Amino acid sequence: MIEGQDDITLVELAEFLRAEHAVVFAPSTIWRFLDRHSRTFKKNSARQRAGSARRARAATRLV
């Protein structure tokens, strides 16, 4: 299921496991398992967002 649906959420994965395999896991448990086994993926759009605006110069001194 994970390979077939790249944008599945942890909640959706938990619901799938409950419906198809009759096991109940919290989304946080699934996250820890996937993270521990290096099976996490970030969406490309999240990495391609614009960075924060930077100041051109330091703030002037307040009197």
N, C-alpha and C. Protein backbone atom coordinates (compact mmCIF):
# COMPACT_ATOMS: atom_id res chain seq x y z
N MET A 1 0.83 -1.20 0.00
CA MET A 1 0.00 0.00 0.00
C MET A 1 0.87 1.26 0.00
N ILE A 2 1.95 1.27 0.75
CA ILE A 2 2.78 2.47 0.83
C ILE A 2 3.39 2.79 -0.53
N GLU A 3 3.87 1.79 -1.25
CA GLU A 3 4.45 2.06 -2.57
C GLU A 3 3.40 2.55 -3.56
N GLY A 4 2.17 2.11 -3.42
CA GLY A 4 1.13 2.48 -4.37
C GLY A 4 0.53 3.85 -4.15
N GLN A 5 0.74 4.42 -2.97
CA GLN A 5 0.14 5.72 -2.65
C GLN A 5 1.17 6.57 -1.93
N ASP A 6 1.84 7.43 -2.68
CA ASP A 6 2.93 8.23 -2.13
C ASP A 6 2.49 9.26 -1.11
N ASP A 7 1.25 9.71 -1.19
CA ASP A 7 0.83 10.81 -0.32
C ASP A 7 -0.09 10.37 0.81
N ILE A 8 0.02 9.12 1.25
CA ILE A 8 -0.82 8.62 2.33
C ILE A 8 -0.39 9.27 3.65
N THR A 9 -1.36 9.60 4.47
CA THR A 9 -1.05 10.19 5.77
C THR A 9 -0.93 9.08 6.81
N LEU A 10 -0.38 9.41 7.95
CA LEU A 10 -0.26 8.43 9.02
C LEU A 10 -1.63 7.98 9.51
N VAL A 11 -2.59 8.89 9.55
CA VAL A 11 -3.95 8.54 9.97
C VAL A 11 -4.57 7.56 8.97
N GLU A 12 -4.39 7.83 7.68
CA GLU A 12 -4.91 6.93 6.65
C GLU A 12 -4.25 5.56 6.73
N LEU A 13 -2.97 5.53 7.00
CA LEU A 13 -2.26 4.27 7.13
C LEU A 13 -2.77 3.48 8.34
N ALA A 14 -3.01 4.17 9.45
CA ALA A 14 -3.56 3.52 10.64
C ALA A 14 -4.95 2.94 10.35
N GLU A 15 -5.78 3.69 9.62
CA GLU A 15 -7.11 3.21 9.26
C GLU A 15 -7.03 2.00 8.33
N PHE A 16 -6.09 2.02 7.39
CA PHE A 16 -5.90 0.88 6.49
C PHE A 16 -5.50 -0.37 7.28
N LEU A 17 -4.55 -0.23 8.19
CA LEU A 17 -4.11 -1.37 8.99
C LEU A 17 -5.24 -1.94 9.83
N ARG A 18 -6.08 -1.06 10.37
CA ARG A 18 -7.22 -1.52 11.17
C ARG A 18 -8.23 -2.25 10.29
N ALA A 19 -8.55 -1.69 9.14
CA ALA A 19 -9.57 -2.28 8.26
C ALA A 19 -9.10 -3.57 7.59
N GLU A 20 -7.87 -3.59 7.12
CA GLU A 20 -7.39 -4.73 6.34
C GLU A 20 -6.73 -5.83 7.17
N HIS A 21 -6.15 -5.46 8.31
CA HIS A 21 -5.38 -6.44 9.09
C HIS A 21 -5.85 -6.58 10.53
N ALA A 22 -6.89 -5.86 10.90
CA ALA A 22 -7.47 -5.93 12.25
C ALA A 22 -6.45 -5.65 13.35
N VAL A 23 -5.55 -4.71 13.10
CA VAL A 23 -4.61 -4.27 14.12
C VAL A 23 -4.78 -2.77 14.31
N VAL A 24 -4.61 -2.31 15.54
CA VAL A 24 -4.83 -0.90 15.85
C VAL A 24 -3.52 -0.29 16.33
N PHE A 25 -3.07 0.74 15.63
CA PHE A 25 -1.87 1.49 16.01
C PHE A 25 -2.19 2.97 15.97
N ALA A 26 -1.63 3.71 16.89
CA ALA A 26 -1.74 5.17 16.85
C ALA A 26 -0.83 5.67 15.73
N PRO A 27 -1.20 6.79 15.11
CA PRO A 27 -0.34 7.35 14.07
C PRO A 27 1.09 7.61 14.56
N SER A 28 1.24 7.98 15.83
CA SER A 28 2.59 8.23 16.36
C SER A 28 3.42 6.95 16.41
N THR A 29 2.78 5.82 16.67
CA THR A 29 3.48 4.53 16.68
C THR A 29 3.95 4.18 15.28
N ILE A 30 3.10 4.42 14.30
CA ILE A 30 3.47 4.15 12.91
C ILE A 30 4.63 5.05 12.50
N TRP A 31 4.58 6.33 12.90
CA TRP A 31 5.67 7.27 12.59
C TRP A 31 6.99 6.78 13.17
N ARG A 32 6.98 6.35 14.44
CA ARG A 32 8.22 5.89 15.06
C ARG A 32 8.77 4.66 14.34
N PHE A 33 7.90 3.74 13.95
CA PHE A 33 8.34 2.56 13.21
C PHE A 33 8.98 2.95 11.88
N LEU A 34 8.28 3.79 11.11
CA LEU A 34 8.81 4.20 9.81
C LEU A 34 10.11 4.98 9.95
N ASP A 35 10.18 5.85 10.93
CA ASP A 35 11.39 6.64 11.16
C ASP A 35 12.56 5.74 11.56
N ARG A 36 12.30 4.78 12.43
CA ARG A 36 13.34 3.86 12.89
C ARG A 36 13.91 3.04 11.75
N HIS A 37 13.08 2.74 10.77
CA HIS A 37 13.50 1.92 9.63
C HIS A 37 13.81 2.75 8.39
N SER A 38 14.00 4.05 8.59
CA SER A 38 14.37 4.98 7.50
C SER A 38 13.40 4.89 6.32
N ARG A 39 12.13 4.83 6.60
CA ARG A 39 11.11 4.74 5.56
C ARG A 39 10.25 5.99 5.53
N THR A 40 10.84 7.14 5.80
CA THR A 40 10.08 8.39 5.78
C THR A 40 10.41 9.15 4.51
N PHE A 41 9.42 9.86 4.00
CA PHE A 41 9.59 10.63 2.78
C PHE A 41 8.94 11.98 2.96
N LYS A 42 9.60 12.99 2.49
CA LYS A 42 9.05 14.34 2.52
C LYS A 42 8.51 14.67 1.14
N LYS A 43 7.43 15.39 1.10
CA LYS A 43 6.89 15.82 -0.19
C LYS A 43 7.80 16.88 -0.79
N ASN A 44 7.96 16.89 -2.08
CA ASN A 44 8.84 17.85 -2.75
C ASN A 44 8.41 19.29 -2.52
N SER A 45 7.11 19.56 -2.53
CA SER A 45 6.65 20.94 -2.40
C SER A 45 7.08 21.55 -1.07
N ALA A 46 7.18 20.75 -0.04
CA ALA A 46 7.60 21.26 1.26
C ALA A 46 9.06 21.71 1.22
N ARG A 47 9.88 21.04 0.44
CA ARG A 47 11.29 21.40 0.36
C ARG A 47 11.54 22.55 -0.59
N GLN A 48 10.59 22.86 -1.45
CA GLN A 48 10.81 23.88 -2.47
C GLN A 48 10.15 25.21 -2.12
N ARG A 49 9.72 25.37 -0.89
CA ARG A 49 9.10 26.63 -0.50
C ARG A 49 10.15 27.73 -0.41
N ALA A 50 9.69 28.94 -0.56
CA ALA A 50 10.59 30.09 -0.46
C ALA A 50 11.10 30.21 0.97
N GLY A 51 12.32 30.63 1.11
CA GLY A 51 12.89 30.82 2.43
C GLY A 51 12.34 32.08 3.09
N SER A 52 12.68 32.27 4.33
CA SER A 52 12.21 33.45 5.05
C SER A 52 12.94 34.69 4.53
N ALA A 53 12.28 35.82 4.60
CA ALA A 53 12.89 37.07 4.15
C ALA A 53 14.00 37.45 5.12
N ARG A 54 15.11 37.88 4.59
CA ARG A 54 16.24 38.27 5.44
C ARG A 54 16.40 39.78 5.40
N ARG A 55 16.87 40.31 6.47
CA ARG A 55 17.09 41.76 6.52
C ARG A 55 18.31 42.12 5.68
N ALA A 56 18.21 43.24 4.98
CA ALA A 56 19.32 43.69 4.15
C ALA A 56 20.46 44.24 5.00
N ARG A 57 20.10 44.81 6.15
CA ARG A 57 21.13 45.34 7.05
C ARG A 57 20.63 45.20 8.49
N ALA A 58 21.50 45.40 9.41
CA ALA A 58 21.14 45.26 10.83
C ALA A 58 20.17 46.36 11.24
N ALA A 59 19.39 46.09 12.24
CA ALA A 59 18.44 47.08 12.74
C ALA A 59 19.18 48.28 13.31
N THR A 60 18.59 49.46 13.15
CA THR A 60 19.23 50.66 13.70
C THR A 60 19.10 50.65 15.21
N ARG A 61 19.99 51.34 15.84
CA ARG A 61 20.03 51.38 17.29
C ARG A 61 18.89 52.22 17.84
N LEU A 62 18.20 51.69 18.83
CA LEU A 62 17.11 52.42 19.47
C LEU A 62 17.66 53.36 20.53
N VAL A 63 17.09 54.55 20.64
CA VAL A 63 17.56 55.54 21.62
C VAL A 63 16.71 55.47 22.85
